[in-house]
Every structure is written in structure tokens, then in C-alpha cells.
Amino acid sequence: MSEFYDLLGVSRTASEEDIKKAYRKAAMQYHPDRNQEPDAEARFKEIAEAYEVLRDPDKRAAYDRYGKAGLSGASAGAGGFHHVDLSEALNIFMRDFGGMGGFESLFGGGARNPAESRRGQDIRVTVKLSLAEVVTGAKRTVKLKTHTPCSACSGSGGAKGAKPSRCSTCAGAGEVRRTTRSMFGQFVSVAPCPTCNGDGTVLTDLCEECRGDGRVRGDRTVAVEIPAGVSSNNYITLRGQGSAGRRNGPNGDLLVMIEIKEDDRFERQGDDLYVDLSLSFSQAALGAAVPVPTPTGEEKITVPAGIQPGTVLRLKGKGLPRLGQTGAGDLNVRVTVWTPESLTDAQRKLFEELATVEGDPPRDSGGFWSKLKEALGA
């Protein structure tokens, strides 16, 4: 169960910051550009997988509860769990630590992908769901106002017939490097090429519509399918559905954040729901069949005669679906007995008659203090 924690060398109660620090230390140790041991690359990828799960609260909760089995499909939020390749592992490290300075400078980094410098921005939208939609899942169509490919130049950024030429400053690499020496050894600084902005190519004849950017502002709609069982702060990642990339660069991603509307009737605890049921004296004493709310409508529950306040009646499988799994949580009905604040004359007369025959309530012989006295031998 604690395999991911062992990989990072942290405890199961480690904070988010502790996990991040542990990952950076381990990644620096096993990065293929620094560690030439045969198993360094495999270790580097395993560490990245562990970090991607433990840094995400929803995936971490699913892993803590079910192990790797809890990370299948969408059960841990966006995209579930998969084994990462070396490219993904490197991107994970550079995503969170590439801007901290030092790593590329110390080890020179890897070859720069010019297309990544043209990648479009990620877009984040919020979708609100009712509790009933959590039960069934939902479909939404979100409207985005963002960059779309320029139709005049088909996203190339150049005028009709124009072709990009290789940048003479970086020789098409998209980056420039500067090497300096010190008493600590050789340092290599890497930066995007100032001439081509990291593209590796330059355009001299620009499209008049987009002025060489290859994209324009526009509206676009995206269909989103939301699985049953989601909760607030879950999210769905739609790869390539974000902003269009500059000059036919790859699109960004669309991050759909889930927000569940409050329902005053219920208290949610994971997949289980809790609801309060208020009974009259006669219903509690005689028993009754009474309706209770569920996210999809009312359902009758049988209250046994003589039920006591504080009793919880459970309707199995009437809670919320388990995200990415079969089955559902329970609906727990907490019983309270309603005491009228004022009585009519007829009610008062009946209660006075009842008082003469009902007798005294039983003494509680199994309470906390009694059990404590037994334990102490008093």
C-alpha cells in the first residue's frame, strides 16, 4: 500500500510540501542526464509516477484507500493513472521545477522541442452540478472564447506561399547556450533563441490576418461528459481542447473543474449521505412508514416501533455512486423525536392521560460512567 511513499522516502502523513521536496531530491539523483547507471531511467520514471499521484489530493486519497486499484479509470480525478514514459517524466520535472533555476544550467537539459515553445495555453472552466447529477453523471457543453487557428493562413502565420526559413542565430535548435567555467566546474545556461523566440524558424512574409501568429480570437464549444460520483475539486483534463498553439503549435488542454451545488437536505461524507428524520412521539412509539428524501426523489422507509432518538437507519446503496467503481454508498437516516413547543387543549388532555399509564423511563445501566466504574473496579 505504501509503495509510492517508499519511492519518495516519505511517510503516509507527509505534507504536500514534503512530497514536493522529496520528489525533487530523488529526481535530481536519478535524472538520466546526471545518473548514467543502467536502472536510473526506470527509477526516474517510477519516481515521477509516485509524485503525480501523491501531489494530487484526489488521487492520493484513492491510493490511500484502495492502493493502485483505486487509480484505475477516472476514480482518482483527471485521467486516472498510467505508467509514464521518459518524455512525460522529464516534462513532469520541468513543469514543477524547470523555472527554479539550476537544473538545466547544471546538466544542460535535453534537446528543446520547438513545437513546445508554440504550445497554446491551458484553459480552466468550472462546471456546477446538482447532487442528482452526481448520481447519474452529466453532459455539458462549454463555450470558450479563446485562440483558434487563423483560416487565412491555415495557422502557419505566413502569407500565402511563404515558407519559414531556418533561424541563423540558433541554427534551427530554438535555443542558445552559453558555457562558463568556474572553480566548481562547467556551467551551461540554456535560453530560448531571442531571434526566433524558440521556434527554430523565422518568417519574413507574414499573414495580414493574424500578423504572423497563426491564430485569431474566436468562439468554440466543447462537449464534456462528467462521470457519476464526482465531488467538488475533482477535475477532468481534455487533452488538446485548450487554446490553439502559435503557428500550428500543439493545443493546450482544457481543465474542467467540478463544483457540486449545496443541498441543505443532505450531509455528504464521501459516497455516503446523511439526512435527518424528525418523528412525532406516536410515530416513534408505534412505528411508521415515512418518506425520506434521496437525491433522485423521495423513498419510504420503515421505522420500527419503539425507535430511540439518535438511531441511524441505513438504506444500503442509496447514497452516491463510487467514482470509477461499481456500487454506491449508503443513505443514513438519523432519527430525532420532535417535541411540540405548544399544545392544544385536546393534545394536553391526551398527554396527561398518557402520563398516568406510561410509567417511568428505564434507568440507563450501560452508560459511560457505569462502564468506567466497572473498568476501575469501583
Protein backbone atom coordinates (compact mmCIF):
# COMPACT_ATOMS: atom_id res chain seq x y z
CA MET A 1 0.00 0.00 0.00
CA SER A 2 2.84 2.39 0.78
CA GLU A 3 4.91 1.66 -2.35
CA PHE A 4 4.61 5.23 -3.69
CA TYR A 5 5.54 6.65 -0.30
CA ASP A 6 8.57 4.35 -0.17
CA LEU A 7 9.71 5.50 -3.62
CA LEU A 8 9.79 9.11 -2.42
CA GLY A 9 11.05 8.24 1.05
CA VAL A 10 8.18 9.97 2.89
CA SER A 11 5.61 8.86 5.44
CA ARG A 12 1.91 8.42 4.70
CA THR A 13 1.21 11.62 6.66
CA ALA A 14 3.69 13.72 4.67
CA SER A 15 2.53 17.19 3.69
CA GLU A 16 2.25 18.38 0.11
CA GLU A 17 5.41 20.42 0.55
CA ASP A 18 7.31 17.43 1.97
CA ILE A 19 6.26 15.33 -1.01
CA LYS A 20 7.40 18.01 -3.43
CA LYS A 21 10.79 18.35 -1.75
CA ALA A 22 11.30 14.58 -1.62
CA TYR A 23 10.41 14.23 -5.30
CA ARG A 24 12.82 16.97 -6.37
CA LYS A 25 15.65 15.38 -4.38
CA ALA A 26 15.00 11.91 -5.82
CA ALA A 27 14.52 13.21 -9.37
CA MET A 28 17.82 15.11 -9.19
CA GLN A 29 19.52 11.91 -8.07
CA TYR A 30 18.16 9.68 -10.85
CA HIS A 31 17.80 12.17 -13.73
CA PRO A 32 19.22 10.43 -16.86
CA ASP A 33 21.30 13.49 -17.73
CA ARG A 34 23.09 13.16 -14.42
CA ASN A 35 22.94 9.48 -13.48
CA GLN A 36 24.32 7.05 -16.05
CA GLU A 37 23.51 3.90 -14.06
CA PRO A 38 21.55 1.30 -16.11
CA ASP A 39 18.47 1.48 -13.88
CA ALA A 40 18.44 5.28 -13.41
CA GLU A 41 15.91 5.94 -16.17
CA ALA A 42 13.45 3.34 -14.87
CA ARG A 43 13.82 4.70 -11.35
CA PHE A 44 13.31 8.26 -12.60
CA LYS A 45 10.02 7.26 -14.27
CA GLU A 46 8.79 5.38 -11.17
CA ILE A 47 9.50 8.42 -9.01
CA ALA A 48 7.55 10.63 -11.43
CA GLU A 49 4.56 8.24 -11.31
CA ALA A 50 4.57 8.28 -7.50
CA TYR A 51 4.80 12.07 -7.40
CA GLU A 52 1.94 12.56 -9.88
CA VAL A 53 -0.35 10.51 -7.64
CA LEU A 54 0.70 11.84 -4.23
CA ARG A 55 0.72 15.51 -5.29
CA ASP A 56 -2.96 15.30 -6.27
CA PRO A 57 -5.32 15.18 -3.24
CA ASP A 58 -7.99 13.11 -5.00
CA LYS A 59 -5.57 10.57 -6.48
CA ARG A 60 -3.74 10.34 -3.17
CA ALA A 61 -6.98 9.67 -1.28
CA ALA A 62 -7.94 6.95 -3.75
CA TYR A 63 -4.47 5.38 -3.48
CA ASP A 64 -4.51 5.52 0.34
CA ARG A 65 -7.85 3.76 0.39
CA TYR A 66 -7.55 1.20 -2.39
CA GLY A 67 -3.90 1.14 -3.50
CA LYS A 68 -3.17 1.16 -7.22
CA ALA A 69 -6.56 -0.44 -7.86
CA GLY A 70 -8.18 2.82 -6.78
CA LEU A 71 -6.35 4.71 -9.53
CA SER A 72 -7.99 2.96 -12.47
CA GLY A 73 -10.08 4.96 -14.90
CA ALA A 74 -11.41 8.22 -13.52
CA SER A 75 -11.50 7.12 -9.92
CA ALA A 76 -8.70 9.46 -8.96
CA GLY A 77 -9.81 12.51 -10.84
CA ALA A 78 -8.49 13.62 -14.19
CA GLY A 79 -7.18 10.90 -16.45
CA GLY A 80 -6.74 8.24 -13.75
CA PHE A 81 -3.28 6.58 -13.53
CA HIS A 82 -0.93 5.33 -16.21
CA HIS A 83 2.74 4.46 -16.45
CA VAL A 84 4.69 7.43 -17.76
CA ASP A 85 7.36 7.27 -20.44
CA LEU A 86 10.65 9.13 -20.22
CA SER A 87 9.34 12.16 -22.10
CA GLU A 88 6.42 12.52 -19.68
CA ALA A 89 8.70 12.06 -16.68
CA LEU A 90 11.01 14.81 -17.93
CA ASN A 91 8.05 17.10 -18.59
CA ILE A 92 6.72 16.50 -15.07
CA PHE A 93 10.02 17.56 -13.58
CA MET A 94 10.42 20.63 -15.80
CA ARG A 95 6.78 21.62 -15.23
CA ASP A 96 7.25 21.98 -11.49
CA PHE A 97 10.95 22.73 -11.21
CA GLY A 98 12.18 23.94 -14.59
CA GLY A 99 11.70 27.57 -13.54
CA MET A 100 13.58 27.23 -10.25
CA GLY A 101 16.93 27.74 -11.94
CA GLY A 102 19.85 25.39 -11.75
CA PHE A 103 18.75 22.08 -13.21
CA GLU A 104 19.13 22.87 -16.92
CA SER A 105 22.07 25.09 -16.08
CA LEU A 106 23.83 22.32 -14.20
CA PHE A 107 23.15 19.47 -16.56
CA GLY A 108 22.50 21.15 -19.89
CA GLY A 109 18.93 19.91 -20.20
CA GLY A 110 17.67 17.87 -23.15
CA ALA A 111 17.02 18.84 -26.72
CA ARG A 112 14.45 21.58 -26.96
CA ASN A 113 11.29 20.79 -28.91
CA PRO A 114 10.49 23.90 -30.98
CA ALA A 115 6.81 22.91 -31.15
CA GLU A 116 6.53 23.13 -27.35
CA SER A 117 7.51 26.79 -27.47
CA ARG A 118 4.41 27.37 -29.61
CA ARG A 119 2.05 25.35 -27.41
CA GLY A 120 -1.27 27.00 -26.65
CA GLN A 121 -2.36 27.90 -23.14
CA ASP A 122 -4.37 25.59 -20.91
CA ILE A 123 -7.91 26.78 -20.18
CA ARG A 124 -9.73 26.20 -16.91
CA VAL A 125 -13.52 26.25 -16.65
CA THR A 126 -15.87 25.39 -13.78
CA VAL A 127 -18.96 23.23 -14.19
CA LYS A 128 -21.60 23.15 -11.45
CA LEU A 129 -23.64 20.00 -10.79
CA SER A 130 -26.59 19.21 -8.59
CA LEU A 131 -26.47 16.22 -6.26
CA ALA A 132 -28.93 14.44 -8.56
CA GLU A 133 -26.47 14.84 -11.44
CA VAL A 134 -23.72 13.36 -9.28
CA VAL A 135 -25.85 10.21 -9.14
CA THR A 136 -26.44 9.93 -12.88
CA GLY A 137 -23.46 11.71 -14.39
CA ALA A 138 -23.98 14.68 -16.69
CA LYS A 139 -23.20 16.16 -20.07
CA ARG A 140 -22.30 19.79 -20.56
CA THR A 141 -21.37 21.98 -23.49
CA VAL A 142 -18.92 24.70 -22.53
CA LYS A 143 -18.37 27.79 -24.67
CA LEU A 144 -14.80 29.02 -24.90
CA LYS A 145 -13.60 32.41 -26.08
CA THR A 146 -10.01 31.70 -26.97
CA HIS A 147 -7.41 31.49 -29.73
CA THR A 148 -8.39 29.48 -32.80
CA PRO A 149 -6.28 28.71 -35.89
CA CYS A 150 -6.20 31.50 -38.46
CA SER A 151 -8.20 30.41 -41.51
CA ALA A 152 -6.39 32.81 -43.84
CA CYS A 153 -3.00 31.09 -43.40
CA SER A 154 -4.22 27.73 -42.03
CA GLY A 155 -2.37 28.51 -38.81
CA SER A 156 1.09 28.83 -40.36
CA GLY A 157 1.42 32.57 -39.70
CA GLY A 158 2.87 33.21 -43.15
CA ALA A 159 1.40 34.88 -46.21
CA LYS A 160 0.14 32.63 -49.00
CA GLY A 161 3.05 30.71 -50.45
CA ALA A 162 5.52 31.93 -47.81
CA LYS A 163 7.75 29.33 -46.21
CA PRO A 164 9.69 29.65 -42.95
CA SER A 165 13.46 29.59 -43.08
CA ARG A 166 15.85 28.19 -40.53
CA CYS A 167 16.91 30.67 -37.88
CA SER A 168 20.54 31.67 -38.42
CA THR A 169 21.08 32.56 -34.77
CA CYS A 170 20.32 29.14 -33.28
CA ALA A 171 20.69 27.07 -36.48
CA GLY A 172 17.13 25.78 -36.01
CA ALA A 173 17.62 24.50 -32.46
CA GLY A 174 15.27 27.07 -30.94
CA GLU A 175 17.67 27.73 -28.09
CA VAL A 176 21.03 29.26 -27.43
CA ARG A 177 23.57 28.02 -24.91
CA ARG A 178 26.31 29.78 -23.09
CA THR A 179 29.10 27.89 -21.36
CA THR A 180 31.05 29.34 -18.48
CA ARG A 181 33.71 27.84 -16.27
CA SER A 182 34.28 28.32 -12.57
CA MET A 183 36.11 26.66 -9.74
CA PHE A 184 33.08 24.35 -9.38
CA GLY A 185 33.25 23.14 -12.97
CA GLN A 186 31.48 23.90 -16.22
CA PHE A 187 28.07 25.54 -16.22
CA VAL A 188 25.80 25.62 -19.25
CA SER A 189 22.95 28.15 -19.40
CA VAL A 190 20.15 27.46 -21.86
CA ALA A 191 17.63 30.07 -23.05
CA PRO A 192 15.12 30.44 -25.91
CA CYS A 193 16.61 31.95 -29.01
CA PRO A 194 15.92 35.72 -28.99
CA THR A 195 15.63 35.86 -32.78
CA CYS A 196 13.02 33.15 -33.37
CA ASN A 197 11.53 33.01 -29.84
CA GLY A 198 12.31 29.31 -29.61
CA ASP A 199 10.66 28.31 -32.91
CA GLY A 200 13.86 27.43 -34.74
CA THR A 201 12.47 29.12 -37.86
CA VAL A 202 11.66 32.68 -38.92
CA LEU A 203 9.02 34.16 -41.22
CA THR A 204 9.72 37.24 -43.29
CA ASP A 205 6.38 37.43 -45.14
CA LEU A 206 3.61 37.47 -42.51
CA CYS A 207 -0.11 36.75 -42.83
CA GLU A 208 -2.05 40.01 -42.77
CA GLU A 209 -4.95 38.49 -40.85
CA CYS A 210 -3.04 37.22 -37.83
CA ARG A 211 0.22 39.16 -38.25
CA GLY A 212 2.30 36.03 -38.16
CA ASP A 213 0.82 34.50 -35.00
CA GLY A 214 -1.12 31.80 -36.84
CA ARG A 215 -4.23 32.23 -34.71
CA VAL A 216 -7.04 34.66 -34.02
CA ARG A 217 -9.54 35.16 -31.20
CA GLY A 218 -12.74 33.22 -31.64
CA ASP A 219 -15.51 31.19 -30.02
CA ARG A 220 -15.58 27.44 -29.75
CA THR A 221 -17.77 24.90 -27.94
CA VAL A 222 -16.61 21.66 -26.34
CA ALA A 223 -18.81 18.77 -25.19
CA VAL A 224 -17.90 17.43 -21.73
CA GLU A 225 -19.06 14.13 -20.25
CA ILE A 226 -18.89 14.04 -16.46
CA PRO A 227 -18.97 10.61 -14.80
CA ALA A 228 -21.22 9.74 -11.88
CA GLY A 229 -19.81 10.01 -8.37
CA VAL A 230 -17.68 13.13 -8.76
CA SER A 231 -17.17 15.60 -5.94
CA SER A 232 -16.08 19.20 -5.67
CA ASN A 233 -12.45 19.76 -6.63
CA ASN A 234 -12.42 16.76 -8.95
CA TYR A 235 -11.40 17.79 -12.42
CA ILE A 236 -11.35 16.40 -15.95
CA THR A 237 -8.49 17.04 -18.37
CA LEU A 238 -9.40 17.17 -22.05
CA ARG A 239 -6.13 16.94 -23.93
CA GLY A 240 -5.73 19.34 -26.84
CA GLN A 241 -9.02 21.14 -26.21
CA GLY A 242 -7.45 24.34 -24.86
CA SER A 243 -6.15 27.36 -26.73
CA ALA A 244 -4.71 26.86 -30.21
CA GLY A 245 -0.93 26.91 -30.40
CA ARG A 246 1.00 29.66 -32.14
CA ARG A 247 1.94 28.85 -35.76
CA ASN A 248 0.37 25.39 -35.70
CA GLY A 249 1.92 24.53 -32.37
CA PRO A 250 0.13 21.94 -30.20
CA ASN A 251 -3.08 23.00 -28.49
CA GLY A 252 -3.24 23.46 -24.75
CA ASP A 253 -5.52 21.39 -22.53
CA LEU A 254 -8.99 22.11 -21.17
CA LEU A 255 -9.30 21.59 -17.40
CA VAL A 256 -12.91 21.15 -16.31
CA MET A 257 -13.19 21.84 -12.58
CA ILE A 258 -16.20 20.23 -10.85
CA GLU A 259 -18.26 22.11 -8.28
CA ILE A 260 -21.21 20.47 -6.51
CA LYS A 261 -24.09 22.73 -5.50
CA GLU A 262 -25.00 22.61 -1.83
CA ASP A 263 -28.14 20.63 -0.96
CA ASP A 264 -29.38 21.58 2.51
CA ARG A 265 -31.20 18.28 2.92
CA PHE A 266 -28.06 16.17 2.92
CA GLU A 267 -24.66 15.93 4.53
CA ARG A 268 -22.12 14.22 2.29
CA GLN A 269 -19.31 12.07 3.64
CA GLY A 270 -17.51 10.54 0.68
CA ASP A 271 -20.00 8.28 -1.10
CA ASP A 272 -22.41 8.22 1.87
CA LEU A 273 -25.22 10.67 2.52
CA TYR A 274 -26.78 11.61 5.86
CA VAL A 275 -30.28 13.01 6.32
CA ASP A 276 -32.20 13.93 9.49
CA LEU A 277 -35.67 12.49 10.06
CA SER A 278 -37.92 14.04 12.69
CA LEU A 279 -40.62 11.80 14.17
CA SER A 280 -43.53 12.51 16.46
CA PHE A 281 -43.90 10.68 19.79
CA SER A 282 -46.58 8.43 18.37
CA GLN A 283 -44.54 7.56 15.25
CA ALA A 284 -41.52 6.70 17.37
CA ALA A 285 -43.56 4.59 19.77
CA LEU A 286 -45.84 2.82 17.29
CA GLY A 287 -43.57 2.69 14.24
CA ALA A 288 -44.44 4.12 10.84
CA ALA A 289 -43.65 4.16 7.16
CA VAL A 290 -42.43 7.66 6.34
CA PRO A 291 -40.90 9.27 3.25
CA VAL A 292 -37.27 10.40 3.28
CA PRO A 293 -35.53 12.44 0.59
CA THR A 294 -32.93 10.97 -1.74
CA PRO A 295 -31.01 12.85 -4.45
CA THR A 296 -33.41 11.49 -7.08
CA GLY A 297 -36.72 11.77 -5.18
CA GLU A 298 -38.49 10.54 -2.06
CA GLU A 299 -38.39 6.97 -0.84
CA LYS A 300 -40.33 5.38 2.00
CA ILE A 301 -38.51 3.93 4.97
CA THR A 302 -40.00 1.66 7.66
CA VAL A 303 -39.43 2.98 11.18
CA PRO A 304 -39.68 0.17 13.77
CA ALA A 305 -41.83 0.66 16.84
CA GLY A 306 -40.00 1.94 19.89
CA ILE A 307 -37.17 3.55 17.99
CA GLN A 308 -34.94 5.78 20.10
CA PRO A 309 -33.61 9.26 19.24
CA GLY A 310 -30.13 9.10 17.74
CA THR A 311 -30.74 5.80 15.96
CA VAL A 312 -29.39 5.69 12.41
CA LEU A 313 -31.36 3.73 9.83
CA ARG A 314 -29.34 2.74 6.79
CA LEU A 315 -30.58 2.39 3.23
CA LYS A 316 -27.78 0.47 1.54
CA GLY A 317 -26.79 1.57 -1.93
CA LYS A 318 -28.97 4.68 -1.84
CA GLY A 319 -26.05 7.07 -1.48
CA LEU A 320 -23.77 8.29 -4.27
CA PRO A 321 -22.01 6.16 -6.89
CA ARG A 322 -18.37 5.30 -6.28
CA LEU A 323 -16.33 7.19 -8.83
CA GLY A 324 -14.79 4.82 -11.35
CA GLN A 325 -16.06 1.75 -9.49
CA THR A 326 -19.20 -0.34 -9.18
CA GLY A 327 -21.67 0.11 -6.34
CA ALA A 328 -22.74 3.11 -4.33
CA GLY A 329 -22.60 4.47 -0.82
CA ASP A 330 -25.45 4.39 1.69
CA LEU A 331 -28.17 6.81 2.73
CA ASN A 332 -28.05 7.13 6.52
CA VAL A 333 -31.21 8.40 8.22
CA ARG A 334 -30.60 9.97 11.65
CA VAL A 335 -33.73 9.79 13.81
CA THR A 336 -34.82 12.61 16.10
CA VAL A 337 -38.08 12.84 18.09
CA TRP A 338 -39.96 16.09 17.70
CA THR A 339 -41.31 17.70 20.86
CA PRO A 340 -44.13 20.20 20.28
CA GLU A 341 -43.43 23.61 21.77
CA SER A 342 -47.11 24.32 22.47
CA LEU A 343 -50.11 22.05 22.93
CA THR A 344 -53.78 22.40 22.15
CA ASP A 345 -56.23 21.58 24.91
CA ALA A 346 -57.04 18.23 23.28
CA GLN A 347 -53.33 17.35 22.98
CA ARG A 348 -52.62 18.33 26.56
CA LYS A 349 -55.50 16.17 27.80
CA LEU A 350 -54.22 13.15 25.87
CA PHE A 351 -50.66 13.61 27.11
CA GLU A 352 -51.89 13.90 30.70
CA GLU A 353 -53.79 10.64 30.30
CA LEU A 354 -50.69 9.04 28.78
CA ALA A 355 -48.55 10.23 31.69
CA THR A 356 -50.70 8.26 34.13
CA VAL A 357 -50.10 4.96 32.36
CA GLU A 358 -46.71 5.19 30.62
CA GLY A 359 -44.60 4.72 33.75
CA ASP A 360 -41.07 5.92 34.41
CA PRO A 361 -38.36 5.64 31.74
CA PRO A 362 -35.79 2.86 32.37
CA ARG A 363 -32.60 3.80 34.10
CA ASP A 364 -29.52 3.72 31.87
CA SER A 365 -27.36 0.97 33.34
CA GLY A 366 -24.92 0.87 30.46
CA GLY A 367 -23.87 4.48 30.28
CA PHE A 368 -20.36 5.82 30.08
CA TRP A 369 -19.91 6.41 33.82
CA SER A 370 -21.21 2.94 34.70
CA LYS A 371 -18.78 1.31 32.29
CA LEU A 372 -15.96 3.46 33.61
CA LYS A 373 -16.73 2.39 37.19
CA GLU A 374 -16.71 -1.27 36.09
CA ALA A 375 -13.33 -0.82 34.42
CA LEU A 376 -11.90 0.77 37.56
CA GLY A 377 -13.41 -1.89 39.80
CA ALA A 378 -15.48 0.66 41.73
